[in-house]
Amino acid sequence: MDVLDIESIRELCTTRKIKWTQHSLERCGERNIYIADVKNALVTGEIIEQYPTDYPFPSCLVLGISVNERNLHVVCSVGDNFLWIISAYYPDNTKWENDFKTRKGNK
């Protein structure tokens, strides 16, 4: 699978087939992002970037909404029949356009 689709991500998320990397848990803790925020972002979100050459599995960037209705970016991948959470962060408008889908300087 070179390109991920949001339906597969949502299915794995809602069936709780999720693995959290140590990095993701550390970053979420530092950023006050909760598991419920990440899950909500994944089930409400859309894929805005694809990283098909990432190792060990292709990954993508999802823009969704946290439980408290803030824009949230989640980097995730699908492999070995699991959804892998790699990182999550609240996008910064100094790096992203107002839609939080377009990186500044990528016009």
Protein backbone atom coordinates (compact mmCIF):
# COMPACT_ATOMS: atom_id res chain seq x y z
CA MET A 1 0.00 0.00 0.00
CA ASP A 2 1.69 3.21 -1.16
CA VAL A 3 -1.10 5.66 -0.37
CA LEU A 4 -3.30 5.67 2.70
CA ASP A 5 -7.03 6.34 2.68
CA ILE A 6 -9.04 7.98 5.43
CA GLU A 7 -11.63 5.18 5.49
CA SER A 8 -9.00 2.60 6.49
CA ILE A 9 -7.68 4.94 9.17
CA ARG A 10 -11.17 5.52 10.57
CA GLU A 11 -11.96 1.80 10.58
CA LEU A 12 -8.80 0.93 12.51
CA CYS A 13 -9.40 3.81 14.89
CA THR A 14 -13.00 2.92 15.68
CA THR A 15 -12.15 -0.76 16.14
CA ARG A 16 -9.32 0.24 18.51
CA LYS A 17 -6.59 -1.36 16.44
CA ILE A 18 -4.18 1.41 17.40
CA LYS A 19 -0.52 1.32 18.37
CA TRP A 20 1.12 4.41 19.87
CA THR A 21 4.82 4.99 19.32
CA GLN A 22 6.86 6.11 22.32
CA HIS A 23 7.50 9.35 20.41
CA SER A 24 3.79 10.00 19.98
CA LEU A 25 3.05 9.44 23.66
CA GLU A 26 5.86 11.75 24.72
CA ARG A 27 4.88 14.52 22.30
CA CYS A 28 1.18 14.31 23.15
CA GLY A 29 2.03 14.56 26.84
CA GLU A 30 4.24 17.62 26.23
CA ARG A 31 1.52 19.28 24.13
CA ASN A 32 -1.47 18.44 26.36
CA ILE A 33 -3.05 16.37 23.63
CA TYR A 34 -5.17 13.49 24.88
CA ILE A 35 -5.93 10.12 23.30
CA ALA A 36 -9.55 11.21 22.82
CA ASP A 37 -8.32 14.28 20.89
CA VAL A 38 -6.28 12.16 18.50
CA LYS A 39 -9.10 9.67 17.96
CA ASN A 40 -11.61 12.47 17.35
CA ALA A 41 -9.27 14.12 14.85
CA LEU A 42 -8.85 10.85 12.96
CA VAL A 43 -12.56 10.06 12.70
CA THR A 44 -13.49 13.65 11.74
CA GLY A 45 -10.46 14.51 9.67
CA GLU A 46 -9.04 14.37 6.19
CA ILE A 47 -5.65 13.40 4.83
CA ILE A 48 -3.77 16.53 3.75
CA GLU A 49 -0.33 15.06 2.98
CA GLN A 50 0.93 11.60 2.04
CA TYR A 51 4.42 10.22 2.75
CA PRO A 52 4.48 7.00 0.69
CA THR A 53 8.23 6.37 1.15
CA ASP A 54 8.24 6.50 4.97
CA TYR A 55 9.67 3.46 6.74
CA PRO A 56 8.58 0.98 7.93
CA PHE A 57 5.12 1.90 6.61
CA PRO A 58 3.81 4.72 4.39
CA SER A 59 2.38 7.50 6.54
CA CYS A 60 0.21 10.57 6.18
CA LEU A 61 -0.79 13.79 7.87
CA VAL A 62 -4.42 14.11 8.93
CA LEU A 63 -6.10 17.40 9.77
CA GLY A 64 -8.97 16.91 12.16
CA ILE A 65 -10.68 18.45 15.15
CA SER A 66 -9.83 17.74 18.79
CA VAL A 67 -12.49 17.11 21.42
CA ASN A 68 -12.32 20.79 22.39
CA GLU A 69 -12.81 21.79 18.73
CA ARG A 70 -9.24 22.83 17.95
CA ASN A 71 -7.52 21.99 14.67
CA LEU A 72 -5.20 19.05 15.23
CA HIS A 73 -2.61 17.42 12.97
CA VAL A 74 -1.95 13.71 13.41
CA VAL A 75 0.86 11.84 11.66
CA CYS A 76 -0.07 8.18 11.34
CA SER A 77 0.58 5.07 9.30
CA VAL A 78 -1.08 1.73 8.65
CA GLY A 79 0.86 -1.51 8.85
CA ASP A 80 0.57 -5.03 10.22
CA ASN A 81 -3.21 -4.46 10.49
CA PHE A 82 -2.77 -1.60 12.96
CA LEU A 83 -3.05 2.16 12.88
CA TRP A 84 0.25 3.58 14.15
CA ILE A 85 0.17 7.01 15.76
CA ILE A 86 3.51 8.69 15.11
CA SER A 87 2.89 12.24 16.33
CA ALA A 88 0.21 14.84 16.96
CA TYR A 89 0.35 18.60 17.30
CA TYR A 90 -1.76 21.72 17.12
CA PRO A 91 -0.77 23.41 13.86
CA ASP A 92 0.93 26.78 14.11
CA ASN A 93 -0.33 29.59 11.87
CA THR A 94 3.25 30.77 11.39
CA LYS A 95 3.91 27.54 9.44
CA TRP A 96 0.46 26.85 8.01
CA GLU A 97 -2.05 28.88 5.99
CA ASN A 98 -5.37 29.73 7.67
CA ASP A 99 -6.93 26.48 6.39
CA PHE A 100 -4.20 24.50 8.23
CA LYS A 101 -3.99 22.30 5.12
CA THR A 102 -1.35 24.24 3.21
CA ARG A 103 2.17 24.86 4.41
CA LYS A 104 3.23 28.48 4.10
CA GLY A 105 5.55 28.93 1.15
CA ASN A 106 3.98 26.03 -0.80
CA LYS A 107 1.80 28.06 -3.14
